[in-house]
Amino acid sequence: MYLLVQLARFQKKGLHANAQMRTRDIKHYCAVKQEAEKLLEVAINKLGLSARAYSCVLKVARTIADFEGAEDIQPAHFSEAIRSQSLDRECC
């Protein structure tokens, strides 16, 4: 189901998945609401996330929200994406 959401979202952009989003797409589709800003700020500072890693967190959070059928990305989606990013860093 979430893949259909992504296909519909990007049909006019020549993309088919959140992972392919460019900077302008991320700004549009991965809006960070006020309640999640502090969470992301702490993650950036504590984990030392690069700009690239931050973009990955936003894309993963959008995918998690899509998977749950949520129109907006919630703080819990960002939390899960941050945990995923920190695990990726430990494995690599």
PDB file of N, CA and C in Angstrom:
ATOM      1  N   MET A   1       0.813  -1.201   0.000  1.00  0.00           N
ATOM      2  CA  MET A   1       0.000   0.000   0.000  1.00  0.00           C
ATOM      3  C   MET A   1       0.858   1.266   0.000  1.00  0.00           C
ATOM      4  N   TYR A   2       1.891   1.289   0.874  1.00  0.00           N
ATOM      5  CA  TYR A   2       2.714   2.496   0.951  1.00  0.00           C
ATOM      6  C   TYR A   2       3.469   2.748  -0.347  1.00  0.00           C
ATOM      7  N   LEU A   3       3.779   1.683  -1.090  1.00  0.00           N
ATOM      8  CA  LEU A   3       4.442   1.881  -2.386  1.00  0.00           C
ATOM      9  C   LEU A   3       3.521   2.579  -3.367  1.00  0.00           C
ATOM     10  N   LEU A   4       2.238   2.275  -3.295  1.00  0.00           N
ATOM     11  CA  LEU A   4       1.269   2.955  -4.159  1.00  0.00           C
ATOM     12  C   LEU A   4       1.189   4.434  -3.821  1.00  0.00           C
ATOM     13  N   VAL A   5       1.279   4.752  -2.541  1.00  0.00           N
ATOM     14  CA  VAL A   5       1.275   6.151  -2.106  1.00  0.00           C
ATOM     15  C   VAL A   5       2.471   6.874  -2.712  1.00  0.00           C
ATOM     16  N   GLN A   6       3.634   6.247  -2.641  1.00  0.00           N
ATOM     17  CA  GLN A   6       4.841   6.862  -3.182  1.00  0.00           C
ATOM     18  C   GLN A   6       4.771   6.992  -4.700  1.00  0.00           C
ATOM     19  N   LEU A   7       4.284   5.975  -5.371  1.00  0.00           N
ATOM     20  CA  LEU A   7       4.150   6.049  -6.833  1.00  0.00           C
ATOM     21  C   LEU A   7       3.218   7.180  -7.237  1.00  0.00           C
ATOM     22  N   ALA A   8       2.101   7.316  -6.534  1.00  0.00           N
ATOM     23  CA  ALA A   8       1.153   8.396  -6.839  1.00  0.00           C
ATOM     24  C   ALA A   8       1.773   9.758  -6.547  1.00  0.00           C
ATOM     25  N   ARG A   9       2.499   9.867  -5.458  1.00  0.00           N
ATOM     26  CA  ARG A   9       3.119  11.128  -5.063  1.00  0.00           C
ATOM     27  C   ARG A   9       4.112  11.604  -6.120  1.00  0.00           C
ATOM     28  N   PHE A  10       4.865  10.686  -6.679  1.00  0.00           N
ATOM     29  CA  PHE A  10       5.969  11.063  -7.556  1.00  0.00           C
ATOM     30  C   PHE A  10       5.715  10.838  -9.043  1.00  0.00           C
ATOM     31  N   GLN A  11       4.504  10.481  -9.428  1.00  0.00           N
ATOM     32  CA  GLN A  11       4.257  10.119 -10.821  1.00  0.00           C
ATOM     33  C   GLN A  11       4.637  11.210 -11.812  1.00  0.00           C
ATOM     34  N   LYS A  12       4.495  12.463 -11.450  1.00  0.00           N
ATOM     35  CA  LYS A  12       4.829  13.557 -12.367  1.00  0.00           C
ATOM     36  C   LYS A  12       6.286  14.003 -12.243  1.00  0.00           C
ATOM     37  N   LYS A  13       7.009  13.426 -11.307  1.00  0.00           N
ATOM     38  CA  LYS A  13       8.388  13.846 -11.065  1.00  0.00           C
ATOM     39  C   LYS A  13       9.419  12.862 -11.614  1.00  0.00           C
ATOM     40  N   GLY A  14       8.965  11.742 -12.144  1.00  0.00           N
ATOM     41  CA  GLY A  14       9.894  10.752 -12.664  1.00  0.00           C
ATOM     42  C   GLY A  14      10.595   9.943 -11.579  1.00  0.00           C
ATOM     43  N   LEU A  15      10.049   9.961 -10.381  1.00  0.00           N
ATOM     44  CA  LEU A  15      10.594   9.193  -9.264  1.00  0.00           C
ATOM     45  C   LEU A  15       9.603   8.093  -8.913  1.00  0.00           C
ATOM     46  N   HIS A  16      10.056   7.113  -8.147  1.00  0.00           N
ATOM     47  CA  HIS A  16       9.111   6.085  -7.717  1.00  0.00           C
ATOM     48  C   HIS A  16       9.220   5.731  -6.232  1.00  0.00           C
ATOM     49  N   ALA A  17      10.163   6.341  -5.522  1.00  0.00           N
ATOM     50  CA  ALA A  17      10.315   6.020  -4.096  1.00  0.00           C
ATOM     51  C   ALA A  17      10.855   7.224  -3.328  1.00  0.00           C
ATOM     52  N   ASN A  18      10.577   7.248  -2.046  1.00  0.00           N
ATOM     53  CA  ASN A  18      11.062   8.331  -1.188  1.00  0.00           C
ATOM     54  C   ASN A  18      12.586   8.437  -1.214  1.00  0.00           C
ATOM     55  N   ALA A  19      13.256   7.321  -1.352  1.00  0.00           N
ATOM     56  CA  ALA A  19      14.722   7.321  -1.359  1.00  0.00           C
ATOM     57  C   ALA A  19      15.302   8.160  -2.493  1.00  0.00           C
ATOM     58  N   GLN A  20      14.536   8.383  -3.536  1.00  0.00           N
ATOM     59  CA  GLN A  20      15.014   9.145  -4.694  1.00  0.00           C
ATOM     60  C   GLN A  20      14.762  10.646  -4.584  1.00  0.00           C
ATOM     61  N   MET A  21      14.149  11.085  -3.501  1.00  0.00           N
ATOM     62  CA  MET A  21      13.823  12.506  -3.372  1.00  0.00           C
ATOM     63  C   MET A  21      15.072  13.373  -3.394  1.00  0.00           C
ATOM     64  N   ARG A  22      14.941  14.495  -4.079  1.00  0.00           N
ATOM     65  CA  ARG A  22      15.983  15.515  -4.101  1.00  0.00           C
ATOM     66  C   ARG A  22      15.687  16.520  -2.990  1.00  0.00           C
ATOM     67  N   THR A  23      16.591  17.458  -2.793  1.00  0.00           N
ATOM     68  CA  THR A  23      16.459  18.425  -1.701  1.00  0.00           C
ATOM     69  C   THR A  23      15.125  19.148  -1.729  1.00  0.00           C
ATOM     70  N   ARG A  24      14.709  19.633  -2.878  1.00  0.00           N
ATOM     71  CA  ARG A  24      13.434  20.370  -2.942  1.00  0.00           C
ATOM     72  C   ARG A  24      12.251  19.462  -2.635  1.00  0.00           C
ATOM     73  N   ASP A  25      12.344  18.183  -3.032  1.00  0.00           N
ATOM     74  CA  ASP A  25      11.274  17.229  -2.720  1.00  0.00           C
ATOM     75  C   ASP A  25      11.224  16.960  -1.219  1.00  0.00           C
ATOM     76  N   ILE A  26      12.392  16.823  -0.611  1.00  0.00           N
ATOM     77  CA  ILE A  26      12.455  16.577   0.831  1.00  0.00           C
ATOM     78  C   ILE A  26      11.811  17.738   1.583  1.00  0.00           C
ATOM     79  N   LYS A  27      12.135  18.954   1.181  1.00  0.00           N
ATOM     80  CA  LYS A  27      11.550  20.130   1.843  1.00  0.00           C
ATOM     81  C   LYS A  27      10.035  20.141   1.724  1.00  0.00           C
ATOM     82  N   HIS A  28       9.524  19.671   0.596  1.00  0.00           N
ATOM     83  CA  HIS A  28       8.078  19.688   0.362  1.00  0.00           C
ATOM     84  C   HIS A  28       7.365  18.527   1.072  1.00  0.00           C
ATOM     85  N   TYR A  29       7.893  17.324   0.943  1.00  0.00           N
ATOM     86  CA  TYR A  29       7.194  16.133   1.429  1.00  0.00           C
ATOM     87  C   TYR A  29       7.588  15.689   2.840  1.00  0.00           C
ATOM     88  N   CYS A  30       8.656  16.239   3.371  1.00  0.00           N
ATOM     89  CA  CYS A  30       9.140  15.823   4.696  1.00  0.00           C
ATOM     90  C   CYS A  30       9.166  16.997   5.666  1.00  0.00           C
ATOM     91  N   ALA A  31       8.123  17.758   5.668  1.00  0.00           N
ATOM     92  CA  ALA A  31       8.056  18.942   6.529  1.00  0.00           C
ATOM     93  C   ALA A  31       8.230  18.550   7.996  1.00  0.00           C
ATOM     94  N   VAL A  32       9.076  19.310   8.684  1.00  0.00           N
ATOM     95  CA  VAL A  32       9.335  19.072  10.105  1.00  0.00           C
ATOM     96  C   VAL A  32       8.486  20.048  10.905  1.00  0.00           C
ATOM     97  N   LYS A  33       7.556  19.499  11.664  1.00  0.00           N
ATOM     98  CA  LYS A  33       6.699  20.345  12.496  1.00  0.00           C
ATOM     99  C   LYS A  33       7.430  20.709  13.778  1.00  0.00           C
ATOM    100  N   GLN A  34       6.926  21.731  14.422  1.00  0.00           N
ATOM    101  CA  GLN A  34       7.587  22.298  15.596  1.00  0.00           C
ATOM    102  C   GLN A  34       7.900  21.259  16.671  1.00  0.00           C
ATOM    103  N   GLU A  35       6.960  20.348  16.931  1.00  0.00           N
ATOM    104  CA  GLU A  35       7.182  19.373  18.003  1.00  0.00           C
ATOM    105  C   GLU A  35       8.311  18.391  17.683  1.00  0.00           C
ATOM    106  N   ALA A  36       8.663  18.242  16.414  1.00  0.00           N
ATOM    107  CA  ALA A  36       9.749  17.334  16.031  1.00  0.00           C
ATOM    108  C   ALA A  36      11.089  18.050  15.871  1.00  0.00           C
ATOM    109  N   GLU A  37      11.066  19.373  15.788  1.00  0.00           N
ATOM    110  CA  GLU A  37      12.307  20.131  15.581  1.00  0.00           C
ATOM    111  C   GLU A  37      13.325  19.885  16.686  1.00  0.00           C
ATOM    112  N   LYS A  38      12.881  19.913  17.931  1.00  0.00           N
ATOM    113  CA  LYS A  38      13.786  19.716  19.068  1.00  0.00           C
ATOM    114  C   LYS A  38      14.380  18.309  19.038  1.00  0.00           C
ATOM    115  N   LEU A  39      13.551  17.328  18.753  1.00  0.00           N
ATOM    116  CA  LEU A  39      14.005  15.945  18.660  1.00  0.00           C
ATOM    117  C   LEU A  39      15.113  15.808  17.617  1.00  0.00           C
ATOM    118  N   LEU A  40      14.904  16.392  16.454  1.00  0.00           N
ATOM    119  CA  LEU A  40      15.898  16.320  15.388  1.00  0.00           C
ATOM    120  C   LEU A  40      17.165  17.096  15.746  1.00  0.00           C
ATOM    121  N   GLU A  41      16.993  18.221  16.411  1.00  0.00           N
ATOM    122  CA  GLU A  41      18.150  19.021  16.834  1.00  0.00           C
ATOM    123  C   GLU A  41      19.028  18.232  17.804  1.00  0.00           C
ATOM    124  N   VAL A  42      18.396  17.568  18.757  1.00  0.00           N
ATOM    125  CA  VAL A  42      19.139  16.748  19.722  1.00  0.00           C
ATOM    126  C   VAL A  42      19.860  15.613  18.997  1.00  0.00           C
ATOM    127  N   ALA A  43      19.177  14.975  18.056  1.00  0.00           N
ATOM    128  CA  ALA A  43      19.786  13.870  17.309  1.00  0.00           C
ATOM    129  C   ALA A  43      20.997  14.336  16.514  1.00  0.00           C
ATOM    130  N   ILE A  44      20.874  15.482  15.873  1.00  0.00           N
ATOM    131  CA  ILE A  44      21.992  16.023  15.093  1.00  0.00           C
ATOM    132  C   ILE A  44      23.193  16.272  15.998  1.00  0.00           C
ATOM    133  N   ASN A  45      22.949  16.900  17.140  1.00  0.00           N
ATOM    134  CA  ASN A  45      24.038  17.232  18.063  1.00  0.00           C
ATOM    135  C   ASN A  45      24.616  16.003  18.764  1.00  0.00           C
ATOM    136  N   LYS A  46      23.751  15.119  19.238  1.00  0.00           N
ATOM    137  CA  LYS A  46      24.210  13.960  19.997  1.00  0.00           C
ATOM    138  C   LYS A  46      24.881  12.918  19.106  1.00  0.00           C
ATOM    139  N   LEU A  47      24.289  12.668  17.946  1.00  0.00           N
ATOM    140  CA  LEU A  47      24.823  11.643  17.051  1.00  0.00           C
ATOM    141  C   LEU A  47      25.818  12.202  16.040  1.00  0.00           C
ATOM    142  N   GLY A  48      25.898  13.520  15.964  1.00  0.00           N
ATOM    143  CA  GLY A  48      26.800  14.130  14.994  1.00  0.00           C
ATOM    144  C   GLY A  48      26.392  13.837  13.562  1.00  0.00           C
ATOM    145  N   LEU A  49      25.088  13.900  13.298  1.00  0.00           N
ATOM    146  CA  LEU A  49      24.600  13.584  11.954  1.00  0.00           C
ATOM    147  C   LEU A  49      25.070  14.618  10.936  1.00  0.00           C
ATOM    148  N   SER A  50      25.519  14.126   9.811  1.00  0.00           N
ATOM    149  CA  SER A  50      25.890  15.000   8.700  1.00  0.00           C
ATOM    150  C   SER A  50      24.619  15.451   7.987  1.00  0.00           C
ATOM    151  N   ALA A  51      24.767  16.379   7.069  1.00  0.00           N
ATOM    152  CA  ALA A  51      23.616  16.829   6.277  1.00  0.00           C
ATOM    153  C   ALA A  51      23.037  15.668   5.480  1.00  0.00           C
ATOM    154  N   ARG A  52      23.903  14.820   4.985  1.00  0.00           N
ATOM    155  CA  ARG A  52      23.439  13.659   4.221  1.00  0.00           C
ATOM    156  C   ARG A  52      22.654  12.694   5.115  1.00  0.00           C
ATOM    157  N   ALA A  53      23.164  12.433   6.307  1.00  0.00           N
ATOM    158  CA  ALA A  53      22.467  11.547   7.244  1.00  0.00           C
ATOM    159  C   ALA A  53      21.131  12.150   7.664  1.00  0.00           C
ATOM    160  N   TYR A  54      21.098  13.472   7.859  1.00  0.00           N
ATOM    161  CA  TYR A  54      19.855  14.164   8.204  1.00  0.00           C
ATOM    162  C   TYR A  54      18.823  13.969   7.092  1.00  0.00           C
ATOM    163  N   SER A  55      19.250  14.097   5.838  1.00  0.00           N
ATOM    164  CA  SER A  55      18.348  13.876   4.703  1.00  0.00           C
ATOM    165  C   SER A  55      17.821  12.449   4.702  1.00  0.00           C
ATOM    166  N   CYS A  56      18.697  11.508   5.025  1.00  0.00           N
ATOM    167  CA  CYS A  56      18.274  10.105   5.094  1.00  0.00           C
ATOM    168  C   CYS A  56      17.224   9.901   6.180  1.00  0.00           C
ATOM    169  N   VAL A  57      17.420  10.537   7.327  1.00  0.00           N
ATOM    170  CA  VAL A  57      16.446  10.438   8.420  1.00  0.00           C
ATOM    171  C   VAL A  57      15.090  10.959   7.956  1.00  0.00           C
ATOM    172  N   LEU A  58      15.078  12.079   7.255  1.00  0.00           N
ATOM    173  CA  LEU A  58      13.818  12.643   6.770  1.00  0.00           C
ATOM    174  C   LEU A  58      13.130  11.699   5.788  1.00  0.00           C
ATOM    175  N   LYS A  59      13.891  11.114   4.878  1.00  0.00           N
ATOM    176  CA  LYS A  59      13.318  10.189   3.893  1.00  0.00           C
ATOM    177  C   LYS A  59      12.766   8.935   4.568  1.00  0.00           C
ATOM    178  N   VAL A  60      13.509   8.407   5.525  1.00  0.00           N
ATOM    179  CA  VAL A  60      13.052   7.210   6.240  1.00  0.00           C
ATOM    180  C   VAL A  60      11.801   7.525   7.058  1.00  0.00           C
ATOM    181  N   ALA A  61      11.770   8.683   7.698  1.00  0.00           N
ATOM    182  CA  ALA A  61      10.580   9.085   8.461  1.00  0.00           C
ATOM    183  C   ALA A  61       9.364   9.194   7.544  1.00  0.00           C
ATOM    184  N   ARG A  62       9.549   9.741   6.345  1.00  0.00           N
ATOM    185  CA  ARG A  62       8.448   9.844   5.376  1.00  0.00           C
ATOM    186  C   ARG A  62       7.967   8.453   4.981  1.00  0.00           C
ATOM    187  N   THR A  63       8.895   7.520   4.803  1.00  0.00           N
ATOM    188  CA  THR A  63       8.537   6.147   4.439  1.00  0.00           C
ATOM    189  C   THR A  63       7.775   5.467   5.572  1.00  0.00           C
ATOM    190  N   ILE A  64       8.210   5.671   6.802  1.00  0.00           N
ATOM    191  CA  ILE A  64       7.509   5.093   7.955  1.00  0.00           C
ATOM    192  C   ILE A  64       6.092   5.660   8.041  1.00  0.00           C
ATOM    193  N   ALA A  65       5.960   6.962   7.846  1.00  0.00           N
ATOM    194  CA  ALA A  65       4.627   7.586   7.862  1.00  0.00           C
ATOM    195  C   ALA A  65       3.756   7.009   6.751  1.00  0.00           C
ATOM    196  N   ASP A  66       4.324   6.827   5.566  1.00  0.00           N
ATOM    197  CA  ASP A  66       3.574   6.229   4.455  1.00  0.00           C
ATOM    198  C   ASP A  66       3.130   4.816   4.805  1.00  0.00           C
ATOM    199  N   PHE A  67       4.034   4.052   5.399  1.00  0.00           N
ATOM    200  CA  PHE A  67       3.733   2.675   5.774  1.00  0.00           C
ATOM    201  C   PHE A  67       2.560   2.610   6.746  1.00  0.00           C
ATOM    202  N   GLU A  68       2.475   3.589   7.639  1.00  0.00           N
ATOM    203  CA  GLU A  68       1.386   3.636   8.620  1.00  0.00           C
ATOM    204  C   GLU A  68       0.140   4.334   8.078  1.00  0.00           C
ATOM    205  N   GLY A  69       0.218   4.852   6.858  1.00  0.00           N
ATOM    206  CA  GLY A  69      -0.932   5.535   6.268  1.00  0.00           C
ATOM    207  C   GLY A  69      -1.134   6.947   6.783  1.00  0.00           C
ATOM    208  N   ALA A  70      -0.099   7.533   7.368  1.00  0.00           N
ATOM    209  CA  ALA A  70      -0.193   8.885   7.925  1.00  0.00           C
ATOM    210  C   ALA A  70       0.139   9.921   6.854  1.00  0.00           C
ATOM    211  N   GLU A  71      -0.672  10.951   6.782  1.00  0.00           N
ATOM    212  CA  GLU A  71      -0.424  12.016   5.816  1.00  0.00           C
ATOM    213  C   GLU A  71       0.771  12.867   6.236  1.00  0.00           C
ATOM    214  N   ASP A  72       0.864  13.171   7.526  1.00  0.00           N
ATOM    215  CA  ASP A  72       1.963  13.979   8.051  1.00  0.00           C
ATOM    216  C   ASP A  72       2.944  13.101   8.815  1.00  0.00           C
ATOM    217  N   ILE A  73       4.192  13.506   8.811  1.00  0.00           N
ATOM    218  CA  ILE A  73       5.208  12.792   9.580  1.00  0.00           C
ATOM    219  C   ILE A  73       5.089  13.231  11.039  1.00  0.00           C
ATOM    220  N   GLN A  74       4.934  12.258  11.918  1.00  0.00           N
ATOM    221  CA  GLN A  74       4.779  12.513  13.345  1.00  0.00           C
ATOM    222  C   GLN A  74       6.132  12.366  14.059  1.00  0.00           C
ATOM    223  N   PRO A  75       6.265  12.938  15.261  1.00  0.00           N
ATOM    224  CA  PRO A  75       7.517  12.786  16.013  1.00  0.00           C
ATOM    225  C   PRO A  75       7.946  11.321  16.184  1.00  0.00           C
ATOM    226  N   ALA A  76       6.994  10.428  16.374  1.00  0.00           N
ATOM    227  CA  ALA A  76       7.336   9.002  16.516  1.00  0.00           C
ATOM    228  C   ALA A  76       7.995   8.455  15.253  1.00  0.00           C
ATOM    229  N   HIS A  77       7.578   8.951  14.093  1.00  0.00           N
ATOM    230  CA  HIS A  77       8.191   8.521  12.831  1.00  0.00           C
ATOM    231  C   HIS A  77       9.646   8.991  12.765  1.00  0.00           C
ATOM    232  N   PHE A  78       9.882  10.233  13.202  1.00  0.00           N
ATOM    233  CA  PHE A  78      11.251  10.749  13.229  1.00  0.00           C
ATOM    234  C   PHE A  78      12.099   9.957  14.217  1.00  0.00           C
ATOM    235  N   SER A  79      11.529   9.634  15.385  1.00  0.00           N
ATOM    236  CA  SER A  79      12.270   8.858  16.390  1.00  0.00           C
ATOM    237  C   SER A  79      12.708   7.514  15.835  1.00  0.00           C
ATOM    238  N   GLU A  80      11.799   6.847  15.166  1.00  0.00           N
ATOM    239  CA  GLU A  80      12.129   5.546  14.587  1.00  0.00           C
ATOM    240  C   GLU A  80      13.195   5.680  13.502  1.00  0.00           C
ATOM    241  N   ALA A  81      13.088   6.712  12.697  1.00  0.00           N
ATOM    242  CA  ALA A  81      14.082   6.944  11.641  1.00  0.00           C
ATOM    243  C   ALA A  81      15.455   7.253  12.239  1.00  0.00           C
ATOM    244  N   ILE A  82      15.479   8.005  13.333  1.00  0.00           N
ATOM    245  CA  ILE A  82      16.748   8.320  14.006  1.00  0.00           C
ATOM    246  C   ILE A  82      17.374   7.050  14.565  1.00  0.00           C
ATOM    247  N   ARG A  83      16.560   6.202  15.191  1.00  0.00           N
ATOM    248  CA  ARG A  83      17.076   4.924  15.704  1.00  0.00           C
ATOM    249  C   ARG A  83      17.660   4.092  14.567  1.00  0.00           C
ATOM    250  N   SER A  84      16.968   4.078  13.448  1.00  0.00           N
ATOM    251  CA  SER A  84      17.446   3.344  12.277  1.00  0.00           C
ATOM    252  C   SER A  84      18.790   3.888  11.806  1.00  0.00           C
ATOM    253  N   GLN A  85      18.914   5.198  11.759  1.00  0.00           N
ATOM    254  CA  GLN A  85      20.161   5.834  11.323  1.00  0.00           C
ATOM    255  C   GLN A  85      21.301   5.513  12.285  1.00  0.00           C
ATOM    256  N   SER A  86      21.018   5.526  13.581  1.00  0.00           N
ATOM    257  CA  SER A  86      22.085   5.240  14.545  1.00  0.00           C
ATOM    258  C   SER A  86      22.518   3.778  14.448  1.00  0.00           C
ATOM    259  N   LEU A  87      21.599   2.869  14.143  1.00  0.00           N
ATOM    260  CA  LEU A  87      21.962   1.465  13.939  1.00  0.00           C
ATOM    261  C   LEU A  87      22.806   1.303  12.683  1.00  0.00           C
ATOM    262  N   ASP A  88      22.449   2.020  11.625  1.00  0.00           N
ATOM    263  CA  ASP A  88      23.229   1.963  10.386  1.00  0.00           C
ATOM    264  C   ASP A  88      24.665   2.388  10.639  1.00  0.00           C
ATOM    265  N   ARG A  89      24.852   3.388  11.467  1.00  0.00           N
ATOM    266  CA  ARG A  89      26.194   3.895  11.751  1.00  0.00           C
ATOM    267  C   ARG A  89      27.007   2.865  12.531  1.00  0.00           C
ATOM    268  N   GLU A  90      26.337   2.103  13.400  1.00  0.00           N
ATOM    269  CA  GLU A  90      27.040   1.096  14.183  1.00  0.00           C
ATOM    270  C   GLU A  90      27.458  -0.089  13.321  1.00  0.00           C
ATOM    271  N   CYS A  91      26.669  -0.394  12.311  1.00  0.00           N
ATOM    272  CA  CYS A  91      26.939  -1.558  11.471  1.00  0.00           C
ATOM    273  C   CYS A  91      27.996  -1.282  10.406  1.00  0.00           C
ATOM    274  N   CYS A  92      28.160  -0.052  10.039  1.00  0.00           N
ATOM    275  CA  CYS A  92      29.055   0.270   8.915  1.00  0.00           C
ATOM    276  C   CYS A  92      30.441   0.641   9.366  1.00  0.00           C
TER     277      CYS A  92
END
